[in-house]
N, C-alpha and C. Protein backbone atom coordinates (compact mmCIF):
# COMPACT_ATOMS: atom_id res chain seq x y z
N MET A 1 90.72 128.79 73.98
CA MET A 1 90.95 127.97 75.17
C MET A 1 91.72 126.71 74.81
N LEU A 2 91.33 126.05 73.72
CA LEU A 2 92.01 124.82 73.32
C LEU A 2 93.46 125.09 72.93
N LYS A 3 93.72 126.25 72.32
CA LYS A 3 95.09 126.59 71.95
C LYS A 3 95.96 126.74 73.19
N PHE A 4 95.40 127.30 74.24
CA PHE A 4 96.14 127.46 75.49
C PHE A 4 96.50 126.09 76.07
N VAL A 5 95.52 125.19 76.11
CA VAL A 5 95.76 123.86 76.68
C VAL A 5 96.74 123.09 75.81
N LYS A 6 96.56 123.14 74.50
CA LYS A 6 97.44 122.42 73.58
C LYS A 6 98.88 122.94 73.69
N GLY A 7 99.03 124.25 73.74
CA GLY A 7 100.37 124.83 73.87
C GLY A 7 101.02 124.47 75.19
N HIS A 8 100.24 124.43 76.24
CA HIS A 8 100.77 124.07 77.55
C HIS A 8 101.17 122.60 77.58
N MET A 9 100.35 121.74 76.99
CA MET A 9 100.64 120.30 76.98
C MET A 9 101.88 119.99 76.14
N GLU A 10 102.09 120.72 75.05
CA GLU A 10 103.26 120.48 74.20
C GLU A 10 104.55 120.82 74.92
N SER A 11 104.49 121.67 75.92
CA SER A 11 105.70 122.07 76.63
C SER A 11 106.11 121.07 77.71
N ILE A 12 105.26 120.09 78.02
CA ILE A 12 105.57 119.11 79.06
C ILE A 12 106.33 117.94 78.44
N ALA A 13 107.50 117.66 78.96
CA ALA A 13 108.33 116.57 78.42
C ALA A 13 107.78 115.22 78.83
N GLY A 14 107.70 114.30 77.89
CA GLY A 14 107.28 112.94 78.18
C GLY A 14 105.78 112.74 78.30
N ILE A 15 104.99 113.73 77.91
CA ILE A 15 103.54 113.61 78.08
C ILE A 15 102.91 112.68 77.06
N GLU A 16 103.60 112.38 75.97
CA GLU A 16 103.01 111.55 74.93
C GLU A 16 102.78 110.11 75.36
N VAL A 17 103.34 109.70 76.48
CA VAL A 17 103.17 108.32 76.95
C VAL A 17 101.83 108.13 77.68
N TYR A 18 101.24 109.17 78.21
CA TYR A 18 100.00 109.05 78.99
C TYR A 18 98.80 108.57 78.18
N PRO A 19 98.58 109.06 76.96
CA PRO A 19 97.47 108.50 76.18
C PRO A 19 97.66 107.02 75.86
N ILE A 20 98.88 106.60 75.64
CA ILE A 20 99.16 105.19 75.36
C ILE A 20 98.85 104.34 76.59
N ILE A 21 99.27 104.81 77.75
CA ILE A 21 99.01 104.08 79.00
C ILE A 21 97.51 103.99 79.26
N SER A 22 96.79 105.08 79.07
CA SER A 22 95.34 105.05 79.32
C SER A 22 94.63 104.13 78.34
N LEU A 23 95.06 104.08 77.09
CA LEU A 23 94.47 103.17 76.12
C LEU A 23 94.75 101.72 76.50
N LEU A 24 95.95 101.42 76.96
CA LEU A 24 96.28 100.07 77.39
C LEU A 24 95.45 99.65 78.60
N ILE A 25 95.30 100.52 79.57
CA ILE A 25 94.49 100.20 80.75
C ILE A 25 93.04 99.94 80.33
N PHE A 26 92.49 100.78 79.47
CA PHE A 26 91.13 100.62 78.97
C PHE A 26 90.98 99.29 78.25
N PHE A 27 91.89 98.97 77.35
CA PHE A 27 91.83 97.74 76.57
C PHE A 27 91.97 96.51 77.46
N ILE A 28 92.93 96.51 78.37
CA ILE A 28 93.15 95.37 79.26
C ILE A 28 91.94 95.15 80.16
N PHE A 29 91.35 96.21 80.68
CA PHE A 29 90.16 96.08 81.53
C PHE A 29 89.03 95.37 80.79
N PHE A 30 88.74 95.79 79.57
CA PHE A 30 87.63 95.19 78.85
C PHE A 30 87.94 93.79 78.34
N VAL A 31 89.19 93.49 78.06
CA VAL A 31 89.56 92.12 77.70
C VAL A 31 89.36 91.21 78.91
N LEU A 32 89.79 91.65 80.08
CA LEU A 32 89.60 90.85 81.29
C LEU A 32 88.11 90.70 81.64
N LEU A 33 87.34 91.74 81.47
CA LEU A 33 85.90 91.67 81.71
C LEU A 33 85.24 90.69 80.73
N PHE A 34 85.62 90.74 79.47
CA PHE A 34 85.10 89.83 78.46
C PHE A 34 85.46 88.39 78.82
N TRP A 35 86.70 88.17 79.25
CA TRP A 35 87.14 86.83 79.65
C TRP A 35 86.34 86.34 80.86
N TRP A 36 86.11 87.22 81.85
CA TRP A 36 85.37 86.83 83.05
C TRP A 36 83.94 86.45 82.71
N VAL A 37 83.31 87.20 81.82
CA VAL A 37 81.92 86.93 81.45
C VAL A 37 81.79 85.53 80.84
N PHE A 38 82.73 85.14 80.01
CA PHE A 38 82.62 83.85 79.36
C PHE A 38 83.15 82.68 80.19
N THR A 39 83.86 82.96 81.26
CA THR A 39 84.36 81.87 82.10
C THR A 39 83.66 81.78 83.45
N ALA A 40 82.73 82.69 83.72
CA ALA A 40 82.02 82.68 85.00
C ALA A 40 81.13 81.44 85.08
N LYS A 41 80.99 80.95 86.30
CA LYS A 41 80.15 79.77 86.51
C LYS A 41 78.68 80.14 86.32
N LYS A 42 77.97 79.26 85.66
CA LYS A 42 76.56 79.51 85.34
C LYS A 42 75.70 79.61 86.60
N ASP A 43 76.03 78.85 87.63
CA ASP A 43 75.27 78.92 88.88
C ASP A 43 75.40 80.29 89.54
N TYR A 44 76.60 80.83 89.52
CA TYR A 44 76.84 82.16 90.08
C TYR A 44 76.05 83.22 89.31
N LEU A 45 76.10 83.16 88.00
CA LEU A 45 75.38 84.13 87.18
C LEU A 45 73.87 84.02 87.39
N LYS A 46 73.38 82.80 87.53
CA LYS A 46 71.95 82.60 87.75
C LYS A 46 71.53 83.20 89.10
N SER A 47 72.34 82.99 90.13
CA SER A 47 72.00 83.55 91.45
C SER A 47 72.06 85.08 91.43
N MET A 48 72.99 85.66 90.68
CA MET A 48 73.08 87.11 90.59
C MET A 48 71.90 87.71 89.84
N GLU A 49 71.44 87.03 88.80
CA GLU A 49 70.33 87.60 88.03
C GLU A 49 69.00 87.49 88.77
N GLU A 50 68.91 86.62 89.76
CA GLU A 50 67.67 86.47 90.52
C GLU A 50 67.60 87.38 91.74
N ILE A 51 68.66 88.05 92.09
CA ILE A 51 68.68 88.91 93.28
C ILE A 51 67.60 90.00 93.23
N PRO A 52 67.42 90.72 92.14
CA PRO A 52 66.38 91.76 92.15
C PRO A 52 64.96 91.22 92.27
N LEU A 53 64.76 89.94 92.00
CA LEU A 53 63.42 89.37 92.02
C LEU A 53 63.05 88.70 93.33
N GLU A 54 63.96 88.67 94.28
CA GLU A 54 63.67 88.05 95.57
C GLU A 54 62.57 88.82 96.29
N LEU A 55 61.65 88.09 96.90
CA LEU A 55 60.51 88.74 97.55
C LEU A 55 60.87 89.34 98.90
N GLU A 56 61.66 88.62 99.70
CA GLU A 56 62.03 89.11 101.02
C GLU A 56 63.52 89.41 101.06
N PRO A 57 63.89 90.66 101.28
CA PRO A 57 65.32 90.98 101.37
C PRO A 57 65.93 90.39 102.63
N GLU A 58 67.20 90.03 102.55
CA GLU A 58 67.89 89.45 103.70
C GLU A 58 68.08 90.48 104.80
N ASN A 59 68.35 91.70 104.42
CA ASN A 59 68.59 92.76 105.39
C ASN A 59 67.37 93.69 105.43
N LYS A 60 66.50 93.50 106.40
CA LYS A 60 65.26 94.28 106.48
C LYS A 60 65.49 95.66 107.08
N GLU A 61 66.67 95.92 107.63
CA GLU A 61 66.96 97.22 108.22
C GLU A 61 67.04 98.31 107.16
N LEU A 62 67.36 97.95 105.93
CA LEU A 62 67.46 98.94 104.87
C LEU A 62 66.10 99.49 104.46
N LEU A 63 65.06 98.74 104.73
CA LEU A 63 63.71 99.19 104.38
C LEU A 63 63.21 100.09 105.46
């Protein structure tokens, strides 16, 4: 099965650029996420971490 896929992929012109593009997208996403984590406001992070512990939900229709 792998030989069939590999042989088919080798016949497609310009396919070698797709793994590079996917690696760049993956790397850029996690660099931006890392940057956001360290630059986020502490008040915002504190309010987000307390959401699961709230006693009364704002939207009671979901219950």
